Amino acid sequence: MTPGHATDAAVSRPRVEGDREQEILDATLEVLGDVGYDRLTMDAVATRAKASKATLYRRWNGKVSLVIDALLSAKSTPEMPDTGSLRGDLIASFCGMGGLTDEQSVATFASVITAIHRDQDFAAAFRREVVGPKAALSHAIFERARDRGELCPGVDIDLFAPALAGIVLHRMYVMGELPDEELITKVIDQIILPAATGHHRPFNPDPEGLAHG
């Protein structure tokens, strides 16, 4: 077979798509959860998906693109909350599906965290495709708060936009504290809002008045 014929044959082979594509992406997430990114291989995914490795390479050129597509298939497109306040928008954005209280999102991040430091190609794709939309959303929330006049003059939005996630993830990975809505709200009320707005929200450790019921 001539090289031209070989190229034509490769192009004419059916590409992976639809339900079969999602089955492979689901298998990728399963393997990622089991062994992490560093130990994930195309062979392992092919075995889990009951597919040939050649089938995977018809759709993905390697491990980076496969894992990125799998991560994107499991996350919802972030929506801009519109609660009317910086506090409300931050709580709505960071709590719930796709936020820092979403166990699947947190587990997925844990499975790739070492790869972000070891694999430059993966790190670049992860920051662009997975982190990028969420970072843009956080930035937009602070821009809107600035336009409403909530922020102190001269606040560096580029500094504040990733601050909440950074604090919560530090407490999770360094201090072993799993994030929940209570923790995120405390960080917002006691750190983010006072620094960004210049106003300290009074902290009530018993918001429902349970201690006096």
Protein backbone atom coordinates (compact mmCIF):
# COMPACT_ATOMS: atom_id res chain seq x y z
CA MET A 1 0.00 0.00 0.00
CA THR A 2 1.37 3.43 -0.95
CA PRO A 3 1.72 6.17 1.67
CA GLY A 4 -1.11 8.08 0.00
CA HIS A 5 -3.41 5.08 0.22
CA ALA A 6 -2.48 4.60 3.89
CA THR A 7 -3.39 8.22 4.61
CA ASP A 8 -6.70 7.88 2.78
CA ALA A 9 -7.53 4.73 4.75
CA ALA A 10 -6.78 6.44 8.05
CA VAL A 11 -9.01 9.37 7.18
CA SER A 12 -11.85 7.09 6.12
CA ARG A 13 -11.85 5.08 9.36
CA PRO A 14 -14.88 5.89 11.47
CA ARG A 15 -14.17 8.31 14.30
CA VAL A 16 -15.31 7.68 17.84
CA GLU A 17 -18.38 9.77 18.62
CA GLY A 18 -21.74 9.82 20.38
CA ASP A 19 -22.47 7.31 23.11
CA ARG A 20 -19.27 5.37 22.44
CA GLU A 21 -17.20 8.50 22.90
CA GLN A 22 -18.91 9.20 26.23
CA GLU A 23 -18.32 5.60 27.37
CA ILE A 24 -14.61 6.07 26.74
CA LEU A 25 -14.59 9.42 28.54
CA ASP A 26 -16.41 7.86 31.49
CA ALA A 27 -13.85 5.05 31.56
CA THR A 28 -11.09 7.67 31.52
CA LEU A 29 -12.57 9.37 34.58
CA GLU A 30 -12.82 6.03 36.36
CA VAL A 31 -9.16 5.22 35.71
CA LEU A 32 -8.20 8.78 36.64
CA GLY A 33 -10.02 8.39 39.95
CA ASP A 34 -8.38 5.02 40.61
CA VAL A 35 -4.75 5.78 39.81
CA GLY A 36 -4.44 9.52 39.15
CA TYR A 37 -3.16 11.24 36.04
CA ASP A 38 0.49 10.24 36.43
CA ARG A 39 -0.27 6.51 36.29
CA LEU A 40 -3.11 6.68 33.78
CA THR A 41 -2.27 5.10 30.40
CA MET A 42 -4.08 4.80 27.11
CA ASP A 43 -3.87 1.01 27.52
CA ALA A 44 -5.60 1.17 30.90
CA VAL A 45 -8.41 3.33 29.53
CA ALA A 46 -8.83 1.06 26.50
CA THR A 47 -9.11 -1.96 28.79
CA ARG A 48 -11.63 -0.25 31.08
CA ALA A 49 -13.69 0.93 28.09
CA LYS A 50 -13.45 -2.47 26.36
CA ALA A 51 -11.97 -0.79 23.32
CA SER A 52 -8.74 -1.09 21.38
CA LYS A 53 -5.99 1.46 21.85
CA ALA A 54 -6.26 2.18 18.11
CA THR A 55 -9.88 3.22 18.68
CA LEU A 56 -8.76 5.79 21.22
CA TYR A 57 -6.10 7.20 18.90
CA ARG A 58 -8.69 7.71 16.15
CA ARG A 59 -10.23 10.38 18.35
CA TRP A 60 -7.45 11.57 20.68
CA ASN A 61 -3.79 12.10 19.88
CA GLY A 62 -2.68 11.14 23.36
CA LYS A 63 -3.20 11.16 27.09
CA VAL A 64 -3.43 14.95 27.51
CA SER A 65 -6.27 15.48 25.04
CA LEU A 66 -8.15 12.39 26.26
CA VAL A 67 -8.06 13.41 29.92
CA ILE A 68 -8.93 17.05 29.19
CA ASP A 69 -11.96 15.96 27.14
CA ALA A 70 -12.99 13.59 29.94
CA LEU A 71 -12.75 16.37 32.53
CA LEU A 72 -14.77 18.71 30.33
CA SER A 73 -17.44 16.06 29.80
CA ALA A 74 -17.97 15.81 33.56
CA LYS A 75 -18.27 19.52 34.36
CA SER A 76 -21.12 21.86 33.66
CA THR A 77 -20.58 25.19 31.97
CA PRO A 78 -20.33 27.79 34.73
CA GLU A 79 -23.19 30.27 34.78
CA MET A 80 -22.90 33.82 36.00
CA PRO A 81 -24.92 34.20 39.22
CA ASP A 82 -26.93 37.39 39.62
CA THR A 83 -27.85 37.82 43.28
CA GLY A 84 -27.25 41.55 43.40
CA SER A 85 -24.27 41.42 45.76
CA LEU A 86 -20.67 40.25 45.77
CA ARG A 87 -21.34 38.01 48.77
CA GLY A 88 -24.34 36.34 47.18
CA ASP A 89 -22.58 35.85 43.86
CA LEU A 90 -19.53 34.27 45.50
CA ILE A 91 -21.63 31.85 47.56
CA ALA A 92 -23.73 30.91 44.52
CA SER A 93 -20.64 30.37 42.39
CA PHE A 94 -18.49 28.41 44.82
CA CYS A 95 -21.15 26.28 46.50
CA GLY A 96 -23.07 23.63 44.63
CA MET A 97 -22.48 21.76 41.37
CA GLY A 98 -19.04 22.45 39.92
CA GLY A 99 -18.04 24.51 42.94
CA LEU A 100 -15.73 23.80 45.83
CA THR A 101 -18.42 21.86 47.70
CA ASP A 102 -18.92 19.50 44.74
CA GLU A 103 -17.25 16.24 45.80
CA GLN A 104 -16.68 15.10 42.22
CA SER A 105 -14.99 18.36 41.24
CA VAL A 106 -12.76 18.25 44.30
CA ALA A 107 -11.87 14.59 43.73
CA THR A 108 -11.06 15.26 40.09
CA PHE A 109 -8.77 18.13 41.01
CA ALA A 110 -7.00 15.91 43.54
CA SER A 111 -6.34 13.29 40.85
CA VAL A 112 -4.51 15.74 38.58
CA ILE A 113 -2.82 18.10 41.04
CA THR A 114 0.62 16.48 40.77
CA ALA A 115 0.41 16.46 36.97
CA ILE A 116 -0.04 20.23 36.97
CA HIS A 117 3.51 20.47 38.30
CA ARG A 118 5.08 17.60 36.33
CA ASP A 119 3.51 17.72 32.87
CA GLN A 120 3.74 21.12 31.20
CA ASP A 121 1.52 20.16 28.25
CA PHE A 122 -1.22 18.90 30.53
CA ALA A 123 -0.86 21.88 32.88
CA ALA A 124 -1.28 24.34 30.00
CA ALA A 125 -4.35 22.54 28.65
CA PHE A 126 -5.86 22.14 32.13
CA ARG A 127 -5.45 25.82 32.97
CA ARG A 128 -6.85 26.89 29.62
CA GLU A 129 -9.76 24.48 29.17
CA VAL A 130 -10.80 23.48 32.70
CA VAL A 131 -9.71 26.27 35.04
CA GLY A 132 -10.03 29.09 32.51
CA PRO A 133 -13.85 29.36 32.38
CA LYS A 134 -14.14 29.25 36.18
CA ALA A 135 -11.39 31.85 36.59
CA ALA A 136 -13.10 34.11 34.06
CA LEU A 137 -16.37 33.77 35.99
CA SER A 138 -14.73 34.77 39.28
CA HIS A 139 -13.08 37.73 37.60
CA ALA A 140 -16.40 38.84 36.13
CA ILE A 141 -18.09 38.61 39.56
CA PHE A 142 -15.55 41.04 41.02
CA GLU A 143 -15.78 43.33 38.00
CA ARG A 144 -19.53 43.56 38.46
CA ALA A 145 -19.11 44.23 42.17
CA ARG A 146 -16.70 47.03 41.28
CA ASP A 147 -19.23 48.49 38.85
CA ARG A 148 -21.86 48.41 41.63
CA GLY A 149 -19.51 50.36 43.86
CA GLU A 150 -18.99 47.53 46.37
CA LEU A 151 -15.19 47.38 46.17
CA CYS A 152 -12.65 49.65 47.78
CA PRO A 153 -10.95 52.03 45.34
CA GLY A 154 -7.85 50.49 43.81
CA VAL A 155 -8.73 46.86 44.58
CA ASP A 156 -6.68 44.53 42.37
CA ILE A 157 -9.31 42.23 40.85
CA ASP A 158 -6.63 39.94 39.40
CA LEU A 159 -5.44 39.35 42.97
CA PHE A 160 -8.88 38.89 44.53
CA ALA A 161 -10.57 36.73 41.86
CA PRO A 162 -8.63 33.52 42.65
CA ALA A 163 -8.20 34.24 46.38
CA LEU A 164 -11.26 32.37 47.67
CA ALA A 165 -10.44 29.17 45.81
CA GLY A 166 -6.81 29.43 46.88
CA ILE A 167 -7.65 29.74 50.56
CA VAL A 168 -10.17 26.89 50.53
CA LEU A 169 -7.93 24.54 48.53
CA HIS A 170 -5.03 25.29 50.90
CA ARG A 171 -7.16 24.30 53.86
CA MET A 172 -8.19 21.14 52.07
CA TYR A 173 -4.81 19.90 50.81
CA VAL A 174 -2.52 21.25 53.50
CA MET A 175 -4.77 21.15 56.57
CA GLY A 176 -7.03 18.24 55.59
CA GLU A 177 -10.28 20.18 55.98
CA LEU A 178 -12.93 19.19 53.44
CA PRO A 179 -14.72 22.26 52.08
CA ASP A 180 -18.40 22.79 52.76
CA GLU A 181 -20.73 25.75 52.49
CA GLU A 182 -20.05 26.80 56.09
CA LEU A 183 -16.30 27.00 55.51
CA ILE A 184 -16.65 28.86 52.22
CA THR A 185 -19.08 31.34 53.76
CA LYS A 186 -16.71 31.97 56.68
CA VAL A 187 -13.83 32.68 54.30
CA ILE A 188 -16.04 35.03 52.29
CA ASP A 189 -17.37 36.89 55.35
CA GLN A 190 -14.18 37.07 57.39
CA ILE A 191 -11.46 37.39 54.73
CA ILE A 192 -12.63 38.19 51.21
CA LEU A 193 -15.37 40.76 51.86
CA PRO A 194 -13.55 42.79 54.55
CA ALA A 195 -10.44 43.03 52.37
CA ALA A 196 -12.29 43.77 49.10
CA THR A 197 -15.00 46.09 50.39
CA GLY A 198 -13.54 47.55 53.57
CA HIS A 199 -16.58 46.42 55.51
CA HIS A 200 -16.48 43.56 58.01
CA ARG A 201 -19.63 41.47 58.09
CA PRO A 202 -20.48 40.61 61.73
CA PHE A 203 -19.84 36.93 62.32
CA ASN A 204 -22.65 35.05 64.04
CA PRO A 205 -21.58 31.51 64.98
CA ASP A 206 -25.23 30.63 65.67
CA PRO A 207 -27.10 32.11 62.66
CA GLU A 208 -30.31 30.14 63.33
CA GLY A 209 -30.41 30.98 67.01
CA LEU A 210 -30.14 27.33 67.90
CA ALA A 211 -28.22 27.98 71.08
CA HIS A 212 -31.17 29.91 72.41
CA GLY A 213 -34.00 27.72 71.11
